[in-house]
C-alpha atoms as a PDB file:
ATOM      1  CA  MET A   1      -0.624   4.377  18.629  1.00  0.00           C
ATOM      2  CA  GLU A   2      -4.422   3.215  19.080  1.00  0.00           C
ATOM      3  CA  ILE A   3      -5.911   1.402  16.338  1.00  0.00           C
ATOM      4  CA  PHE A   4      -9.253   0.400  15.266  1.00  0.00           C
ATOM      5  CA  ILE A   5     -10.532  -1.783  12.729  1.00  0.00           C
ATOM      6  CA  ASP A   6     -14.305  -1.257  11.523  1.00  0.00           C
ATOM      7  CA  ILE A   7     -15.797  -4.093   9.351  1.00  0.00           C
ATOM      8  CA  ASP A   8     -18.199  -1.791   8.242  1.00  0.00           C
ATOM      9  CA  ASN A   9     -16.194   0.094   6.423  1.00  0.00           C
ATOM     10  CA  PRO A  10     -15.996  -0.231   2.415  1.00  0.00           C
ATOM     11  CA  LEU A  11     -12.466   0.238   2.842  1.00  0.00           C
ATOM     12  CA  PRO A  12     -10.691  -2.972   2.908  1.00  0.00           C
ATOM     13  CA  GLN A  13      -9.099  -3.938   6.604  1.00  0.00           C
ATOM     14  CA  PHE A  14      -5.067  -3.653   5.533  1.00  0.00           C
ATOM     15  CA  SER A  15      -6.003  -0.305   3.510  1.00  0.00           C
ATOM     16  CA  GLN A  16      -7.504   0.955   6.658  1.00  0.00           C
ATOM     17  CA  LEU A  17      -4.215  -0.115   8.390  1.00  0.00           C
ATOM     18  CA  VAL A  18      -1.830   1.456   6.208  1.00  0.00           C
ATOM     19  CA  GLU A  19      -4.192   4.729   7.107  1.00  0.00           C
ATOM     20  CA  GLN A  20      -3.863   4.664  10.044  1.00  0.00           C
ATOM     21  CA  ILE A  21      -0.190   4.084  10.932  1.00  0.00           C
ATOM     22  CA  LYS A  22       0.489   7.084   8.469  1.00  0.00           C
ATOM     23  CA  LEU A  23      -2.099   9.099  10.158  1.00  0.00           C
ATOM     24  CA  ALA A  24      -0.225   8.549  13.600  1.00  0.00           C
ATOM     25  CA  VAL A  25       3.552   9.053  12.018  1.00  0.00           C
ATOM     26  CA  GLN A  26       1.981  12.384  10.720  1.00  0.00           C
ATOM     27  CA  GLN A  27       0.572  13.289  14.115  1.00  0.00           C
ATOM     28  CA  LYS A  28       3.728  12.537  15.440  1.00  0.00           C
ATOM     29  CA  GLN A  29       1.747   9.939  18.066  1.00  0.00           C
ATOM     30  CA  ILE A  30       4.929   7.728  16.253  1.00  0.00           C
ATOM     31  CA  LYS A  31       7.920   9.029  15.703  1.00  0.00           C
ATOM     32  CA  PRO A  32      11.161   7.728  13.463  1.00  0.00           C
ATOM     33  CA  GLY A  33      13.049   4.935  14.788  1.00  0.00           C
ATOM     34  CA  ASP A  34       9.739   3.699  17.192  1.00  0.00           C
ATOM     35  CA  PRO A  35       9.154  -0.110  16.894  1.00  0.00           C
ATOM     36  CA  LEU A  36       5.504  -1.549  15.326  1.00  0.00           C
ATOM     37  CA  PRO A  37       3.576  -4.959  16.754  1.00  0.00           C
ATOM     38  CA  SER A  38       5.338  -8.371  14.636  1.00  0.00           C
ATOM     39  CA  ILE A  39       2.648  -8.719  12.257  1.00  0.00           C
ATOM     40  CA  ARG A  40       1.437 -11.547  14.594  1.00  0.00           C
ATOM     41  CA  GLN A  41       1.446  -9.709  17.707  1.00  0.00           C
ATOM     42  CA  LEU A  42      -1.284  -6.359  15.811  1.00  0.00           C
ATOM     43  CA  ALA A  43      -2.850  -9.378  13.921  1.00  0.00           C
ATOM     44  CA  ASN A  44      -3.735 -11.199  17.281  1.00  0.00           C
ATOM     45  CA  ASP A  45      -4.264  -7.631  18.687  1.00  0.00           C
ATOM     46  CA  LEU A  46      -6.647  -6.372  16.345  1.00  0.00           C
ATOM     47  CA  GLY A  47      -8.151  -9.608  15.334  1.00  0.00           C
ATOM     48  CA  LEU A  48      -6.617  -9.871  11.951  1.00  0.00           C
ATOM     49  CA  ASN A  49      -5.451 -12.680   9.715  1.00  0.00           C
ATOM     50  CA  ASN A  50      -1.578 -12.741   9.653  1.00  0.00           C
ATOM     51  CA  LYS A  51      -0.910 -12.190   5.845  1.00  0.00           C
ATOM     52  CA  THR A  52      -3.383  -8.722   6.222  1.00  0.00           C
ATOM     53  CA  VAL A  53      -1.089  -7.075   8.500  1.00  0.00           C
ATOM     54  CA  ALA A  54       2.037  -8.378   6.780  1.00  0.00           C
ATOM     55  CA  LYS A  55      -0.064  -6.827   3.149  1.00  0.00           C
ATOM     56  CA  ALA A  56      -0.502  -3.672   5.277  1.00  0.00           C
ATOM     57  CA  TYR A  57       3.341  -3.658   6.174  1.00  0.00           C
ATOM     58  CA  ARG A  58       4.422  -4.490   2.819  1.00  0.00           C
ATOM     59  CA  LEU A  59       2.660  -1.934   1.102  1.00  0.00           C
ATOM     60  CA  LEU A  60       4.125   0.865   4.207  1.00  0.00           C
ATOM     61  CA  GLU A  61       7.307  -0.963   3.318  1.00  0.00           C
ATOM     62  CA  ARG A  62       7.160  -0.346  -0.432  1.00  0.00           C
ATOM     63  CA  ASP A  63       6.416   3.414   0.716  1.00  0.00           C
ATOM     64  CA  SER A  64       9.193   3.293   2.927  1.00  0.00           C
ATOM     65  CA  VAL A  65       7.320   4.737   5.312  1.00  0.00           C
ATOM     66  CA  ILE A  66       8.393   1.694   8.335  1.00  0.00           C
ATOM     67  CA  GLN A  67      11.484  -0.964   7.694  1.00  0.00           C
ATOM     68  CA  ALA A  68      12.084  -4.321   7.880  1.00  0.00           C
ATOM     69  CA  LYS A  69      15.128  -5.011   9.819  1.00  0.00           C
ATOM     70  CA  GLY A  70      14.604  -8.733   9.234  1.00  0.00           C
ATOM     71  CA  TYR A  71      14.098 -10.910  12.858  1.00  0.00           C
ATOM     72  CA  ARG A  72      14.483  -7.478  15.085  1.00  0.00           C
ATOM     73  CA  GLY A  73      10.996  -6.039  13.209  1.00  0.00           C
ATOM     74  CA  SER A  74       9.510  -3.607  11.834  1.00  0.00           C
ATOM     75  CA  TYR A  75      10.498  -0.100  12.426  1.00  0.00           C
ATOM     76  CA  ILE A  76       9.517   4.051  11.649  1.00  0.00           C
ATOM     77  CA  HIS A  77      11.582   4.786   8.515  1.00  0.00           C
ATOM     78  CA  PRO A  78      13.189   7.194   8.954  1.00  0.00           C
ATOM     79  CA  ASP A  79      12.213   9.448   6.165  1.00  0.00           C
ATOM     80  CA  ALA A  80       8.458   8.159   7.227  1.00  0.00           C
ATOM     81  CA  GLU A  81       6.663  11.437   7.362  1.00  0.00           C
ATOM     82  CA  LYS A  82       7.684  12.616   3.890  1.00  0.00           C
ATOM     83  CA  ASN A  83       6.909   9.461   2.122  1.00  0.00           C
ATOM     84  CA  CYS A  84       2.992   9.427   4.056  1.00  0.00           C
ATOM     85  CA  THR A  85       1.588  11.968   2.104  1.00  0.00           C
ATOM     86  CA  VAL A  86       2.987   9.824  -1.371  1.00  0.00           C
ATOM     87  CA  ASN A  87       0.085   8.279  -2.470  1.00  0.00           C
ATOM     88  CA  LEU A  88       0.968   5.839  -5.113  1.00  0.00           C
ATOM     89  CA  ASN A  89      -2.360   3.772  -5.880  1.00  0.00           C
ATOM     90  CA  GLU A  90      -3.724   7.786  -7.173  1.00  0.00           C
ATOM     91  CA  LEU A  91      -0.608   7.454  -9.497  1.00  0.00           C
ATOM     92  CA  VAL A  92      -1.059   4.787 -10.361  1.00  0.00           C
ATOM     93  CA  GLU A  93      -4.599   5.229 -11.589  1.00  0.00           C
ATOM     94  CA  GLU A  94      -3.479   9.038 -12.781  1.00  0.00           C
ATOM     95  CA  LYS A  95      -0.969   7.240 -15.318  1.00  0.00           C
ATOM     96  CA  LEU A  96      -3.567   4.824 -16.772  1.00  0.00           C
ATOM     97  CA  THR A  97      -6.200   7.271 -16.911  1.00  0.00           C
ATOM     98  CA  ASP A  98      -4.518   9.434 -19.638  1.00  0.00           C
ATOM     99  CA  VAL A  99      -2.956   6.465 -21.085  1.00  0.00           C
ATOM    100  CA  ILE A 100      -6.544   5.255 -22.271  1.00  0.00           C
ATOM    101  CA  GLY A 101      -7.349   8.456 -22.579  1.00  0.00           C
ATOM    102  CA  MET A 102      -5.204   8.928 -25.274  1.00  0.00           C
ATOM    103  CA  LEU A 103      -5.361   5.458 -26.781  1.00  0.00           C
ATOM    104  CA  ARG A 104      -9.755   6.222 -26.934  1.00  0.00           C
ATOM    105  CA  HIS A 105      -8.862   9.914 -29.014  1.00  0.00           C
ATOM    106  CA  THR A 106      -6.508   7.469 -31.984  1.00  0.00           C
ATOM    107  CA  GLY A 107      -9.233   5.558 -32.192  1.00  0.00           C
ATOM    108  CA  ALA A 108      -8.612   2.203 -29.763  1.00  0.00           C
ATOM    109  CA  THR A 109     -11.709   0.276 -28.339  1.00  0.00           C
ATOM    110  CA  ASP A 110     -11.966  -0.203 -24.762  1.00  0.00           C
ATOM    111  CA  SER A 111     -11.785  -4.068 -25.893  1.00  0.00           C
ATOM    112  CA  GLU A 112      -8.305  -3.528 -27.615  1.00  0.00           C
ATOM    113  CA  ILE A 113      -6.947  -1.505 -24.551  1.00  0.00           C
ATOM    114  CA  ARG A 114      -8.026  -4.151 -22.451  1.00  0.00           C
ATOM    115  CA  ILE A 115      -6.597  -7.307 -24.537  1.00  0.00           C
ATOM    116  CA  ALA A 116      -3.402  -4.758 -24.775  1.00  0.00           C
ATOM    117  CA  PHE A 117      -3.242  -4.247 -20.784  1.00  0.00           C
ATOM    118  CA  THR A 118      -3.468  -7.542 -20.175  1.00  0.00           C
ATOM    119  CA  LYS A 119      -0.810  -8.314 -22.287  1.00  0.00           C
ATOM    120  CA  VAL A 120       1.855  -6.292 -21.277  1.00  0.00           C
ATOM    121  CA  MET A 121       0.865  -7.600 -17.624  1.00  0.00           C
ATOM    122  CA  ASN A 122       1.286 -11.210 -18.299  1.00  0.00           C
ATOM    123  CA  SER A 123       4.584 -10.496 -20.681  1.00  0.00           C
ATOM    124  CA  ASP A 124       6.010  -7.892 -17.956  1.00  0.00           C
ATOM    125  CA  ARG A 125       4.463 -11.061 -15.080  1.00  0.00           C
ATOM    126  CA  LYS A 126       6.728 -14.060 -17.240  1.00  0.00           C
ATOM    127  CA  ARG A 127      10.020 -11.036 -16.954  1.00  0.00           C
ATOM    128  CA  GLY A 128       9.819 -11.093 -13.026  1.00  0.00           C
ATOM    129  CA  ASN A 129       9.229  -7.478 -12.860  1.00  0.00           C
END
Protein backbone atom coordinates (compact mmCIF):
# COMPACT_ATOMS: atom_id res chain seq x y z
CA MET A 1 0.00 0.00 0.00
CA GLU A 2 1.39 3.36 -1.01
CA ILE A 3 0.06 6.58 0.48
CA PHE A 4 0.55 9.97 -1.11
CA ILE A 5 -0.38 13.19 0.64
CA ASP A 6 -1.03 16.10 -1.70
CA ILE A 7 -0.28 19.35 0.12
CA ASP A 8 -2.10 21.30 -2.60
CA ASN A 9 -5.30 19.29 -2.10
CA PRO A 10 -7.94 21.30 -0.18
CA LEU A 11 -8.91 18.09 1.64
CA PRO A 12 -7.17 18.02 5.05
CA GLN A 13 -4.16 15.71 5.26
CA PHE A 14 -5.76 13.47 7.89
CA SER A 15 -8.81 13.06 5.61
CA GLN A 16 -6.58 12.14 2.67
CA LEU A 17 -4.94 9.50 4.87
CA VAL A 18 -8.30 8.10 6.03
CA GLU A 19 -9.60 7.91 2.45
CA GLN A 20 -6.48 6.19 1.15
CA ILE A 21 -6.48 3.56 3.90
CA LYS A 22 -10.19 2.87 3.30
CA LEU A 23 -9.54 2.61 -0.43
CA ALA A 24 -6.66 0.18 0.15
CA VAL A 25 -8.99 -1.98 2.27
CA GLN A 26 -11.74 -1.89 -0.36
CA GLN A 27 -9.26 -2.82 -3.10
CA LYS A 28 -7.93 -5.61 -0.88
CA GLN A 29 -4.42 -4.16 -0.89
CA ILE A 30 -4.56 -4.59 2.88
CA LYS A 31 -6.62 -7.28 4.58
CA PRO A 32 -8.15 -7.87 7.99
CA GLY A 33 -5.46 -8.54 10.54
CA ASP A 34 -2.71 -6.78 8.57
CA PRO A 35 -0.62 -4.45 10.70
CA LEU A 36 -0.37 -0.74 9.97
CA PRO A 37 2.78 1.31 10.52
CA SER A 38 3.05 2.99 13.89
CA ILE A 39 1.82 6.56 14.06
CA ARG A 40 5.36 7.82 14.42
CA GLN A 41 6.67 5.72 11.54
CA LEU A 42 3.88 6.71 9.12
CA ALA A 43 4.17 10.38 10.07
CA ASN A 44 7.92 10.20 9.47
CA ASP A 45 7.49 8.38 6.13
CA LEU A 46 4.92 10.91 4.87
CA GLY A 47 6.51 14.02 6.38
CA LEU A 48 3.44 14.68 8.53
CA ASN A 49 2.95 15.71 12.11
CA ASN A 50 2.35 12.77 14.48
CA LYS A 51 -0.93 14.41 15.55
CA THR A 52 -2.21 14.35 11.94
CA VAL A 53 -1.65 10.60 11.65
CA ALA A 54 -3.00 10.01 15.16
CA LYS A 55 -6.22 11.84 14.22
CA ALA A 56 -6.61 9.73 11.09
CA TYR A 57 -6.05 6.54 13.09
CA ARG A 58 -8.61 7.65 15.73
CA LEU A 59 -11.22 8.24 13.02
CA LEU A 60 -10.45 4.90 11.38
CA GLU A 61 -10.73 3.19 14.76
CA ARG A 62 -14.01 4.98 15.49
CA ASP A 63 -15.35 3.67 12.17
CA SER A 64 -14.05 0.13 12.94
CA VAL A 65 -11.73 0.13 9.94
CA ILE A 66 -8.71 -0.40 12.17
CA GLN A 67 -8.29 -1.60 15.71
CA ALA A 68 -5.62 -0.52 18.14
CA LYS A 69 -4.01 -3.24 20.19
CA GLY A 70 -2.21 -1.11 22.73
CA TYR A 71 1.55 -1.21 22.45
CA ARG A 72 1.34 -3.93 19.79
CA GLY A 73 0.12 -1.40 17.24
CA SER A 74 -2.85 -0.94 14.95
CA TYR A 75 -4.32 -3.58 12.67
CA ILE A 76 -7.00 -3.76 10.02
CA HIS A 77 -10.32 -4.59 11.68
CA PRO A 78 -11.96 -7.95 10.80
CA ASP A 79 -15.04 -6.08 9.46
CA ALA A 80 -13.06 -3.27 7.83
CA GLU A 81 -14.28 -3.83 4.30
CA LYS A 82 -17.96 -3.37 5.11
CA ASN A 83 -17.19 -0.54 7.55
CA CYS A 84 -15.34 1.44 4.86
CA THR A 85 -18.63 2.36 3.23
CA VAL A 86 -19.97 4.10 6.35
CA ASN A 87 -19.46 7.85 6.20
CA LEU A 88 -20.31 9.30 9.59
CA ASN A 89 -19.73 12.87 8.37
CA GLU A 90 -22.40 12.48 5.67
CA LEU A 91 -24.83 11.00 8.20
CA VAL A 92 -24.28 13.90 10.61
CA GLU A 93 -24.74 16.49 7.84
CA GLU A 94 -27.90 14.74 6.64
CA LYS A 95 -29.44 14.64 10.13
CA LEU A 96 -28.51 18.26 10.86
CA THR A 97 -29.96 19.37 7.53
CA ASP A 98 -33.25 17.63 8.39
CA VAL A 99 -33.44 19.13 11.89
CA ILE A 100 -32.49 22.63 10.73
CA GLY A 101 -35.08 22.47 7.95
CA MET A 102 -37.75 21.43 10.44
CA LEU A 103 -36.77 24.21 12.87
CA ARG A 104 -36.83 26.84 10.10
CA HIS A 105 -40.25 25.55 9.05
CA THR A 106 -41.53 26.19 12.58
CA GLY A 107 -40.27 29.79 12.37
CA ALA A 108 -37.00 29.55 14.27
CA THR A 109 -34.37 31.97 13.01
CA ASP A 110 -30.84 30.91 12.08
CA SER A 111 -29.56 32.90 15.04
CA GLU A 112 -31.89 31.04 17.44
CA ILE A 113 -30.80 27.71 15.93
CA ARG A 114 -27.08 28.59 16.30
CA ILE A 115 -27.53 29.69 19.90
CA ALA A 116 -29.46 26.53 20.78
CA PHE A 117 -26.92 24.32 18.96
CA THR A 118 -24.02 25.92 20.84
CA LYS A 119 -25.87 25.60 24.14
CA VAL A 120 -26.60 21.89 23.55
CA MET A 121 -23.03 21.16 22.41
CA ASN A 122 -21.58 22.93 25.46
CA SER A 123 -23.91 21.18 27.90
CA ASP A 124 -23.01 17.80 26.35
CA ARG A 125 -19.30 18.55 26.84
CA LYS A 126 -19.88 19.35 30.51
CA ARG A 127 -21.59 15.97 30.93
CA GLY A 128 -18.69 14.22 29.21
CA ASN A 129 -20.50 13.10 26.02
